[in-house]
C-alpha atoms as a PDB file:
ATOM      1  CA  MET A   1       0.000   0.000   0.000  1.00  0.00           C
ATOM      2  CA  ASN A   2       1.460   3.358  -1.031  1.00  0.00           C
ATOM      3  CA  ARG A   3       0.380   5.798   1.673  1.00  0.00           C
ATOM      4  CA  ASP A   4       2.120   9.064   2.526  1.00  0.00           C
ATOM      5  CA  LYS A   5       1.608  10.774   5.899  1.00  0.00           C
ATOM      6  CA  THR A   6       2.720  14.210   6.992  1.00  0.00           C
ATOM      7  CA  SER A   7       2.209  15.587  10.494  1.00  0.00           C
ATOM      8  CA  LEU A   8       3.105  18.880  12.124  1.00  0.00           C
ATOM      9  CA  GLU A   9       2.609  19.819  15.747  1.00  0.00           C
ATOM     10  CA  THR A  10       3.446  23.299  17.065  1.00  0.00           C
ATOM     11  CA  PRO A  11       1.969  25.275  19.985  1.00  0.00           C
ATOM     12  CA  LEU A  12      -0.295  27.130  17.514  1.00  0.00           C
ATOM     13  CA  LEU A  13      -0.956  24.563  14.807  1.00  0.00           C
ATOM     14  CA  SER A  14      -1.486  20.844  14.619  1.00  0.00           C
ATOM     15  CA  PHE A  15      -2.418  19.024  11.453  1.00  0.00           C
ATOM     16  CA  ARG A  16      -2.137  15.652   9.733  1.00  0.00           C
ATOM     17  CA  VAL A  17      -2.251  14.966   5.989  1.00  0.00           C
ATOM     18  CA  VAL A  18      -2.775  11.451   4.671  1.00  0.00           C
ATOM     19  CA  SER A  19      -2.351  10.820   0.963  1.00  0.00           C
ATOM     20  CA  ASP A  20      -3.435   7.560  -0.616  1.00  0.00           C
ATOM     21  CA  LEU A  21      -3.719   8.746  -4.217  1.00  0.00           C
ATOM     22  CA  HIS A  22      -2.320   5.600  -5.833  1.00  0.00           C
ATOM     23  CA  VAL A  23      -4.567   2.975  -4.224  1.00  0.00           C
ATOM     24  CA  ARG A  24      -7.777   4.547  -2.886  1.00  0.00           C
ATOM     25  CA  ARG A  25      -7.346   7.900  -4.683  1.00  0.00           C
ATOM     26  CA  LEU A  26      -7.898  10.161  -1.676  1.00  0.00           C
ATOM     27  CA  LEU A  27      -6.252  12.895   0.353  1.00  0.00           C
ATOM     28  CA  THR A  28      -7.316  13.928   3.858  1.00  0.00           C
ATOM     29  CA  VAL A  29      -6.380  16.806   6.155  1.00  0.00           C
ATOM     30  CA  VAL A  30      -7.107  16.950   9.897  1.00  0.00           C
ATOM     31  CA  THR A  31      -6.676  19.987  12.155  1.00  0.00           C
ATOM     32  CA  PRO A  32      -8.444  20.746  15.450  1.00  0.00           C
ATOM     33  CA  ARG A  33     -10.953  23.108  13.774  1.00  0.00           C
ATOM     34  CA  THR A  34     -11.126  21.799  10.186  1.00  0.00           C
ATOM     35  CA  CYS A  35     -11.227  18.295   8.710  1.00  0.00           C
ATOM     36  CA  GLY A  36     -11.719  17.287   5.119  1.00  0.00           C
ATOM     37  CA  GLY A  37     -10.640  15.355   2.121  1.00  0.00           C
ATOM     38  CA  PHE A  38     -10.642  14.939  -1.634  1.00  0.00           C
ATOM     39  CA  ALA A  39     -11.791  11.612  -3.038  1.00  0.00           C
ATOM     40  CA  PHE A  40     -13.556   9.763  -5.838  1.00  0.00           C
ATOM     41  CA  PRO A  41     -16.752   7.713  -5.490  1.00  0.00           C
ATOM     42  CA  GLU A  42     -14.680   4.526  -5.806  1.00  0.00           C
ATOM     43  CA  SER A  43     -12.521   5.624  -2.833  1.00  0.00           C
ATOM     44  CA  GLY A  44     -15.204   4.277  -0.483  1.00  0.00           C
ATOM     45  CA  ARG A  45     -15.715   5.669   3.018  1.00  0.00           C
ATOM     46  CA  VAL A  46     -13.266   8.490   3.763  1.00  0.00           C
ATOM     47  CA  GLU A  47     -12.411   9.334   7.383  1.00  0.00           C
ATOM     48  CA  SER A  48     -10.797  12.609   8.411  1.00  0.00           C
ATOM     49  CA  GLY A  49     -10.854  13.191  12.178  1.00  0.00           C
ATOM     50  CA  PRO A  50     -14.486  13.444  13.326  1.00  0.00           C
ATOM     51  CA  LEU A  51     -15.659  13.791   9.683  1.00  0.00           C
ATOM     52  CA  ALA A  52     -16.491  10.807   7.483  1.00  0.00           C
ATOM     53  CA  PHE A  53     -18.087  10.771   4.037  1.00  0.00           C
ATOM     54  CA  THR A  54     -18.965   8.533   1.105  1.00  0.00           C
ATOM     55  CA  LEU A  55     -19.380  10.009  -2.378  1.00  0.00           C
ATOM     56  CA  SER A  56     -21.568   9.089  -5.305  1.00  0.00           C
ATOM     57  CA  GLY A  57     -21.850  10.663  -8.740  1.00  0.00           C
ATOM     58  CA  SER A  58     -18.707  12.801  -8.807  1.00  0.00           C
ATOM     59  CA  ARG A  59     -15.285  13.261  -7.295  1.00  0.00           C
ATOM     60  CA  ALA A  60     -15.402  15.936  -4.623  1.00  0.00           C
ATOM     61  CA  THR A  61     -13.789  17.748  -1.766  1.00  0.00           C
ATOM     62  CA  VAL A  62     -15.759  17.559   1.476  1.00  0.00           C
ATOM     63  CA  CYS A  63     -14.684  19.515   4.527  1.00  0.00           C
ATOM     64  CA  ALA A  64     -16.147  20.687   7.808  1.00  0.00           C
ATOM     65  CA  THR A  65     -14.832  23.658   9.749  1.00  0.00           C
ATOM     66  CA  SER A  66     -15.718  25.211  13.073  1.00  0.00           C
ATOM     67  CA  VAL A  67     -17.019  28.753  12.583  1.00  0.00           C
ATOM     68  CA  ASP A  68     -17.818  29.070  16.259  1.00  0.00           C
ATOM     69  CA  PRO A  69     -17.050  32.581  17.581  1.00  0.00           C
ATOM     70  CA  ASP A  70     -15.412  30.981  20.644  1.00  0.00           C
ATOM     71  CA  MET A  71     -12.857  29.199  18.385  1.00  0.00           C
ATOM     72  CA  ARG A  72     -13.980  25.780  19.621  1.00  0.00           C
ATOM     73  CA  PRO A  73     -12.565  22.634  18.022  1.00  0.00           C
ATOM     74  CA  LEU A  74     -14.743  20.992  15.392  1.00  0.00           C
ATOM     75  CA  ALA A  75     -16.098  18.234  17.681  1.00  0.00           C
ATOM     76  CA  THR A  76     -17.480  20.769  20.198  1.00  0.00           C
ATOM     77  CA  ALA A  77     -18.329  23.742  17.940  1.00  0.00           C
ATOM     78  CA  ARG A  78     -21.859  25.159  18.023  1.00  0.00           C
ATOM     79  CA  ARG A  79     -21.626  26.372  14.407  1.00  0.00           C
ATOM     80  CA  ILE A  80     -20.032  24.331  11.634  1.00  0.00           C
ATOM     81  CA  LEU A  81     -19.665  25.069   7.926  1.00  0.00           C
ATOM     82  CA  VAL A  82     -19.658  21.991   5.675  1.00  0.00           C
ATOM     83  CA  MET A  83     -18.577  22.253   2.041  1.00  0.00           C
ATOM     84  CA  HIS A  84     -19.340  19.638  -0.625  1.00  0.00           C
ATOM     85  CA  LEU A  85     -17.441  20.783  -3.705  1.00  0.00           C
ATOM     86  CA  THR A  86     -17.697  18.658  -6.828  1.00  0.00           C
ATOM     87  CA  ASP A  87     -15.994  19.246 -10.162  1.00  0.00           C
ATOM     88  CA  LEU A  88     -16.675  22.637 -11.745  1.00  0.00           C
ATOM     89  CA  GLN A  89     -16.336  23.218 -15.484  1.00  0.00           C
ATOM     90  CA  SER A  90     -17.685  25.749 -17.950  1.00  0.00           C
ATOM     91  CA  GLU A  91     -20.510  24.556 -20.182  1.00  0.00           C
ATOM     92  CA  GLY A  92     -19.158  23.622 -23.598  1.00  0.00           C
ATOM     93  CA  SER A  93     -15.519  23.321 -22.504  1.00  0.00           C
ATOM     94  CA  GLU A  94     -13.399  20.814 -24.403  1.00  0.00           C
ATOM     95  CA  PHE A  95     -10.271  19.128 -23.073  1.00  0.00           C
ATOM     96  CA  SER A  96      -7.524  17.065 -24.662  1.00  0.00           C
ATOM     97  CA  ASP A  97      -8.235  14.042 -22.411  1.00  0.00           C
ATOM     98  CA  GLU A  98      -9.927  12.861 -19.202  1.00  0.00           C
ATOM     99  CA  THR A  99      -7.282  14.500 -16.969  1.00  0.00           C
ATOM    100  CA  PHE A 100      -8.726  17.946 -17.866  1.00  0.00           C
ATOM    101  CA  GLN A 101      -5.225  19.460 -17.834  1.00  0.00           C
ATOM    102  CA  THR A 102      -5.215  20.930 -21.338  1.00  0.00           C
ATOM    103  CA  THR A 103      -8.162  23.094 -22.386  1.00  0.00           C
ATOM    104  CA  LEU A 104      -8.941  23.005 -26.107  1.00  0.00           C
ATOM    105  CA  LYS A 105     -12.024  25.237 -25.929  1.00  0.00           C
ATOM    106  CA  LYS A 106     -13.272  27.481 -23.126  1.00  0.00           C
ATOM    107  CA  GLY A 107     -16.936  27.189 -22.283  1.00  0.00           C
ATOM    108  CA  ALA A 108     -19.560  29.665 -21.104  1.00  0.00           C
ATOM    109  CA  ALA A 109     -21.502  29.472 -17.826  1.00  0.00           C
ATOM    110  CA  PRO A 110     -19.978  27.302 -15.093  1.00  0.00           C
ATOM    111  CA  LEU A 111     -21.536  23.916 -14.403  1.00  0.00           C
ATOM    112  CA  VAL A 112     -21.155  22.004 -11.151  1.00  0.00           C
ATOM    113  CA  ALA A 113     -20.988  18.225 -11.474  1.00  0.00           C
ATOM    114  CA  ASP A 114     -23.988  16.491  -9.909  1.00  0.00           C
ATOM    115  CA  GLY A 115     -23.148  14.345  -6.914  1.00  0.00           C
ATOM    116  CA  THR A 116     -24.021  13.452  -3.357  1.00  0.00           C
ATOM    117  CA  ALA A 117     -22.055  12.906  -0.186  1.00  0.00           C
ATOM    118  CA  LYS A 118     -23.288  10.932   2.802  1.00  0.00           C
ATOM    119  CA  ILE A 119     -21.692  12.899   5.607  1.00  0.00           C
ATOM    120  CA  SER A 120     -21.279  12.036   9.262  1.00  0.00           C
ATOM    121  CA  LEU A 121     -19.660  14.030  12.056  1.00  0.00           C
ATOM    122  CA  ARG A 122     -18.742  12.699  15.512  1.00  0.00           C
ATOM    123  CA  LEU A 123     -19.710  15.497  17.884  1.00  0.00           C
ATOM    124  CA  SER A 124     -20.014  16.259  21.577  1.00  0.00           C
ATOM    125  CA  THR A 125     -23.264  18.049  22.279  1.00  0.00           C
ATOM    126  CA  ASN A 126     -26.136  18.466  24.719  1.00  0.00           C
ATOM    127  CA  GLY A 127     -28.820  19.272  22.186  1.00  0.00           C
ATOM    128  CA  LYS A 128     -30.443  18.856  18.823  1.00  0.00           C
ATOM    129  CA  CYS A 129     -28.506  19.662  15.662  1.00  0.00           C
ATOM    130  CA  GLN A 130     -29.975  21.397  12.635  1.00  0.00           C
ATOM    131  CA  VAL A 131     -28.587  21.379   9.084  1.00  0.00           C
ATOM    132  CA  PHE A 132     -29.277  24.231   6.663  1.00  0.00           C
ATOM    133  CA  PRO A 133     -28.234  24.286   2.999  1.00  0.00           C
ATOM    134  CA  LEU A 134     -26.802  27.708   2.140  1.00  0.00           C
ATOM    135  CA  SER A 135     -26.872  29.806  -0.993  1.00  0.00           C
ATOM    136  CA  THR A 136     -23.516  30.932  -2.357  1.00  0.00           C
ATOM    137  CA  ASP A 137     -24.048  34.267  -0.563  1.00  0.00           C
ATOM    138  CA  GLY A 138     -24.620  32.518   2.790  1.00  0.00           C
ATOM    139  CA  ARG A 139     -28.428  32.708   3.058  1.00  0.00           C
ATOM    140  CA  ARG A 140     -30.187  29.723   4.641  1.00  0.00           C
ATOM    141  CA  LEU A 141     -32.361  27.821   2.174  1.00  0.00           C
ATOM    142  CA  GLY A 142     -34.582  25.909   4.555  1.00  0.00           C
ATOM    143  CA  GLU A 143     -33.594  22.933   6.670  1.00  0.00           C
ATOM    144  CA  ILE A 144     -32.705  19.420   5.551  1.00  0.00           C
ATOM    145  CA  PRO A 145     -33.265  16.203   7.500  1.00  0.00           C
ATOM    146  CA  CYS A 146     -30.473  14.873   9.638  1.00  0.00           C
ATOM    147  CA  GLU A 147     -30.077  11.979  12.015  1.00  0.00           C
ATOM    148  CA  TRP A 148     -28.484  12.006  15.465  1.00  0.00           C
ATOM    149  CA  ASN A 149     -27.180   8.739  16.895  1.00  0.00           C
ATOM    150  CA  VAL A 150     -26.274   9.048  20.576  1.00  0.00           C
ATOM    151  CA  ALA A 151     -23.157   7.357  21.867  1.00  0.00           C
ATOM    152  CA  THR A 152     -23.359   6.044  25.405  1.00  0.00           C
ATOM    153  CA  THR A 153     -21.551   8.292  27.877  1.00  0.00           C
ATOM    154  CA  PRO A 154     -20.810   7.350  31.482  1.00  0.00           C
ATOM    155  CA  PRO A 155     -22.977   9.344  33.960  1.00  0.00           C
ATOM    156  CA  SER A 156     -19.773  10.615  35.569  1.00  0.00           C
ATOM    157  CA  SER A 157     -18.885  12.506  32.360  1.00  0.00           C
ATOM    158  CA  ARG A 158     -19.860  16.126  32.789  1.00  0.00           C
ATOM    159  CA  ASP A 159     -19.408  19.152  30.587  1.00  0.00           C
ATOM    160  CA  GLY A 160     -18.215  22.524  31.890  1.00  0.00           C
ATOM    161  CA  ASP A 161     -21.736  23.450  33.062  1.00  0.00           C
ATOM    162  CA  GLY A 162     -22.171  20.259  35.110  1.00  0.00           C
ATOM    163  CA  ALA A 163     -24.647  18.687  32.669  1.00  0.00           C
ATOM    164  CA  VAL A 164     -24.180  15.112  31.480  1.00  0.00           C
ATOM    165  CA  ALA A 165     -22.036  15.269  28.357  1.00  0.00           C
ATOM    166  CA  THR A 166     -23.598  13.554  25.355  1.00  0.00           C
ATOM    167  CA  SER A 167     -21.730  12.612  22.240  1.00  0.00           C
ATOM    168  CA  GLY A 168     -22.821  10.969  19.054  1.00  0.00           C
ATOM    169  CA  THR A 169     -22.818  11.106  15.299  1.00  0.00           C
ATOM    170  CA  LEU A 170     -24.717  13.580  13.145  1.00  0.00           C
ATOM    171  CA  SER A 171     -25.504  12.238   9.664  1.00  0.00           C
ATOM    172  CA  PHE A 172     -27.041  13.870   6.606  1.00  0.00           C
ATOM    173  CA  THR A 173     -26.858  13.708   2.817  1.00  0.00           C
ATOM    174  CA  ALA A 174     -25.421  16.656   0.917  1.00  0.00           C
ATOM    175  CA  SER A 175     -26.668  16.855  -2.661  1.00  0.00           C
ATOM    176  CA  VAL A 176     -25.389  19.315  -5.242  1.00  0.00           C
ATOM    177  CA  ARG A 177     -28.831  19.287  -6.861  1.00  0.00           C
ATOM    178  CA  GLY A 178     -31.156  21.420  -4.736  1.00  0.00           C
ATOM    179  CA  SER A 179     -34.941  20.970  -4.810  1.00  0.00           C
ATOM    180  CA  ASP A 180     -35.169  24.202  -6.859  1.00  0.00           C
ATOM    181  CA  GLY A 181     -32.640  22.922  -9.426  1.00  0.00           C
ATOM    182  CA  LYS A 182     -29.861  25.212  -8.182  1.00  0.00           C
ATOM    183  CA  ALA A 183     -26.535  23.948  -6.888  1.00  0.00           C
ATOM    184  CA  ARG A 184     -26.009  23.406  -3.168  1.00  0.00           C
ATOM    185  CA  LEU A 185     -22.365  23.479  -2.105  1.00  0.00           C
ATOM    186  CA  TYR A 186     -22.448  24.754   1.482  1.00  0.00           C
ATOM    187  CA  TYR A 187     -24.245  23.683   4.670  1.00  0.00           C
ATOM    188  CA  GLU A 188     -24.469  25.224   8.116  1.00  0.00           C
ATOM    189  CA  ILE A 189     -24.816  22.998  11.166  1.00  0.00           C
ATOM    190  CA  THR A 190     -26.054  24.628  14.354  1.00  0.00           C
ATOM    191  CA  ARG A 191     -26.558  23.233  17.821  1.00  0.00           C
ATOM    192  CA  PRO A 192     -27.346  24.712  21.248  1.00  0.00           C
END
């Protein structure tokens, strides 16, 4: 198995990069506040810290980042931005081959490749999560269904407020094709 790993730990930054481009065709990055990866549908389940995803339809980059004003790590953040970014090409573009490295003809309006990602995040929380697809200017476009699976936590585990700490996995499906026919690339996760 040809797998390259790079890690860096400093007082201000800690990250891990795992590259498995030759066998599973994926690349993952893990930091305390952001986790993500690039993969193909045939890469199977991709795990990057508390984030895991499985793609269908198109290669994509999927990442989750804490946008919590308190700078909390991803697993404890109250606000999380998730990006599901598939291939983007201009309509009518022509390339020399399937690697898309040499453009023969530039196209017009950009087209986002259709695809889905089954996304799960291992989180620590004491409340219900909500998932909102976002427009490209950041407006919420309704709410999409999500599932919360609680992990068992010993009663002695307490959060900073003295409440019983609950952890689990939030799961939802990100689809580039929105119900209105417009592309969905960004999602906001909120929790109390």
